[in-house]
């Protein structure tokens, strides 16, 4: 995968994350910027890219949360998703991704709670 090669070559993964966000447009860009602010303000996850999209990894480099743009996949919503290393388990059934068209203040509060649980 390109991201693994870049990491081994010493690429600035945080800068790649910011560049991936900068390449987005419209609502996708706004949502990714908001996610980035929330992740960097409330967790110790580090920015990187995952399949060319903004993502955030734990200290072992494993992606915990990612952003997927609506435009790239011609969908009506973007996706904020959590990988298996997120600590979101809740019994035998729990969500791992969320469709997003807008992030209100209340949505951001819910997302911050999920992010904190994910890294807890």
Protein backbone atom coordinates (compact mmCIF):
# COMPACT_ATOMS: atom_id res chain seq x y z
CA UNK A 1 0.00 0.00 0.00
CA UNK A 2 1.27 3.50 -0.83
CA UNK A 3 0.79 4.76 2.73
CA UNK A 4 3.03 2.00 4.15
CA UNK A 5 5.77 2.78 1.62
CA UNK A 6 5.54 6.47 2.46
CA UNK A 7 5.83 5.75 6.19
CA UNK A 8 8.89 3.56 5.64
CA UNK A 9 10.44 6.29 3.50
CA UNK A 10 10.00 8.79 6.34
CA UNK A 11 7.24 10.82 4.72
CA UNK A 12 5.43 13.36 6.85
CA UNK A 13 2.17 11.47 7.37
CA UNK A 14 0.48 14.36 9.19
CA UNK A 15 1.23 16.64 6.24
CA UNK A 16 -0.19 14.02 3.88
CA UNK A 17 -3.40 14.00 5.94
CA UNK A 18 -3.66 17.79 5.71
CA UNK A 19 -2.96 17.66 1.98
CA UNK A 20 -5.71 15.07 1.51
CA UNK A 21 -8.12 17.39 3.33
CA UNK A 22 -6.97 20.36 1.25
CA UNK A 23 -7.71 18.39 -1.94
CA UNK A 24 -11.35 17.91 -0.94
CA UNK A 25 -14.04 20.38 -1.94
CA UNK A 26 -17.36 21.67 -0.65
CA UNK A 27 -19.10 19.81 2.15
CA UNK A 28 -16.52 17.01 2.09
CA UNK A 29 -13.78 19.51 2.89
CA UNK A 30 -15.82 21.16 5.67
CA UNK A 31 -16.61 17.81 7.27
CA UNK A 32 -13.01 16.57 7.03
CA UNK A 33 -11.70 19.83 8.53
CA UNK A 34 -14.15 19.54 11.42
CA UNK A 35 -13.21 15.90 12.01
CA UNK A 36 -9.52 16.84 11.94
CA UNK A 37 -10.06 19.57 14.53
CA UNK A 38 -12.03 17.26 16.80
CA UNK A 39 -9.53 14.41 16.54
CA UNK A 40 -6.49 16.59 17.15
CA UNK A 41 -8.16 18.50 20.00
CA UNK A 42 -9.57 15.53 21.88
CA UNK A 43 -7.31 12.53 21.20
CA UNK A 44 -3.66 11.64 20.76
CA UNK A 45 -4.29 10.05 17.35
CA UNK A 46 -1.91 11.08 14.58
CA UNK A 47 -3.00 12.17 11.12
CA UNK A 48 -2.09 10.11 8.08
CA UNK A 49 -3.84 8.95 4.93
CA UNK A 50 -5.61 5.67 4.36
CA UNK A 51 -6.51 4.79 0.78
CA UNK A 52 -5.78 8.43 0.00
CA UNK A 53 -8.34 9.75 2.50
CA UNK A 54 -7.70 11.49 5.85
CA UNK A 55 -7.28 9.04 8.71
CA UNK A 56 -6.01 8.99 12.28
CA UNK A 57 -3.82 6.31 13.80
CA UNK A 58 -2.82 5.18 17.26
CA UNK A 59 0.75 5.00 18.55
CA UNK A 60 1.27 1.69 16.72
CA UNK A 61 0.31 3.29 13.41
CA UNK A 62 -3.01 1.43 13.20
CA UNK A 63 -5.89 3.45 11.77
CA UNK A 64 -8.59 4.04 14.37
CA UNK A 65 -10.84 6.53 12.57
CA UNK A 66 -11.09 7.62 8.94
CA UNK A 67 -12.98 9.98 6.65
CA UNK A 68 -14.38 8.92 3.30
CA UNK A 69 -15.60 11.64 0.95
CA UNK A 70 -19.01 11.56 -0.68
CA UNK A 71 -17.68 12.89 -3.99
CA UNK A 72 -15.04 10.20 -4.46
CA UNK A 73 -17.66 7.45 -4.35
CA UNK A 74 -20.53 9.49 -5.84
CA UNK A 75 -22.63 9.12 -2.69
CA UNK A 76 -25.02 11.57 -1.08
CA UNK A 77 -23.12 11.39 2.21
CA UNK A 78 -19.58 11.26 3.50
CA UNK A 79 -18.57 8.56 5.98
CA UNK A 80 -16.76 8.74 9.28
CA UNK A 81 -15.68 5.24 10.15
CA UNK A 82 -13.90 3.39 12.90
CA UNK A 83 -11.55 0.46 12.43
CA UNK A 84 -11.29 -2.63 14.67
CA UNK A 85 -8.65 -0.96 16.86
CA UNK A 86 -11.27 1.55 18.03
CA UNK A 87 -12.62 0.52 21.41
CA UNK A 88 -16.28 0.94 20.50
CA UNK A 89 -17.45 -2.59 21.27
CA UNK A 90 -20.88 -2.62 22.90
CA UNK A 91 -22.02 -6.18 23.42
CA UNK A 92 -22.45 -8.18 20.25
CA UNK A 93 -23.72 -5.38 17.98
CA UNK A 94 -22.39 -1.81 17.46
CA UNK A 95 -21.94 0.71 14.65
CA UNK A 96 -18.54 1.21 13.05
CA UNK A 97 -19.36 3.89 10.50
CA UNK A 98 -21.62 6.89 10.22
CA UNK A 99 -23.16 8.60 7.21
CA UNK A 100 -22.58 12.36 7.49
CA UNK A 101 -24.04 15.26 5.53
CA UNK A 102 -23.52 17.93 8.19
CA UNK A 103 -22.04 18.14 11.70
CA UNK A 104 -24.11 20.28 14.07
CA UNK A 105 -22.77 21.20 17.51
CA UNK A 106 -24.75 18.31 19.01
CA UNK A 107 -23.31 15.94 16.36
CA UNK A 108 -19.81 17.16 17.16
CA UNK A 109 -20.39 16.47 20.86
CA UNK A 110 -21.52 12.92 20.01
CA UNK A 111 -18.50 12.47 17.76
CA UNK A 112 -16.10 13.67 20.47
CA UNK A 113 -17.62 11.12 22.87
CA UNK A 114 -17.11 8.37 20.25
CA UNK A 115 -13.52 9.49 19.61
CA UNK A 116 -12.73 9.44 23.33
CA UNK A 117 -14.26 5.98 23.67
CA UNK A 118 -12.39 4.79 20.58
CA UNK A 119 -9.02 5.64 22.10
CA UNK A 120 -10.01 4.70 25.66
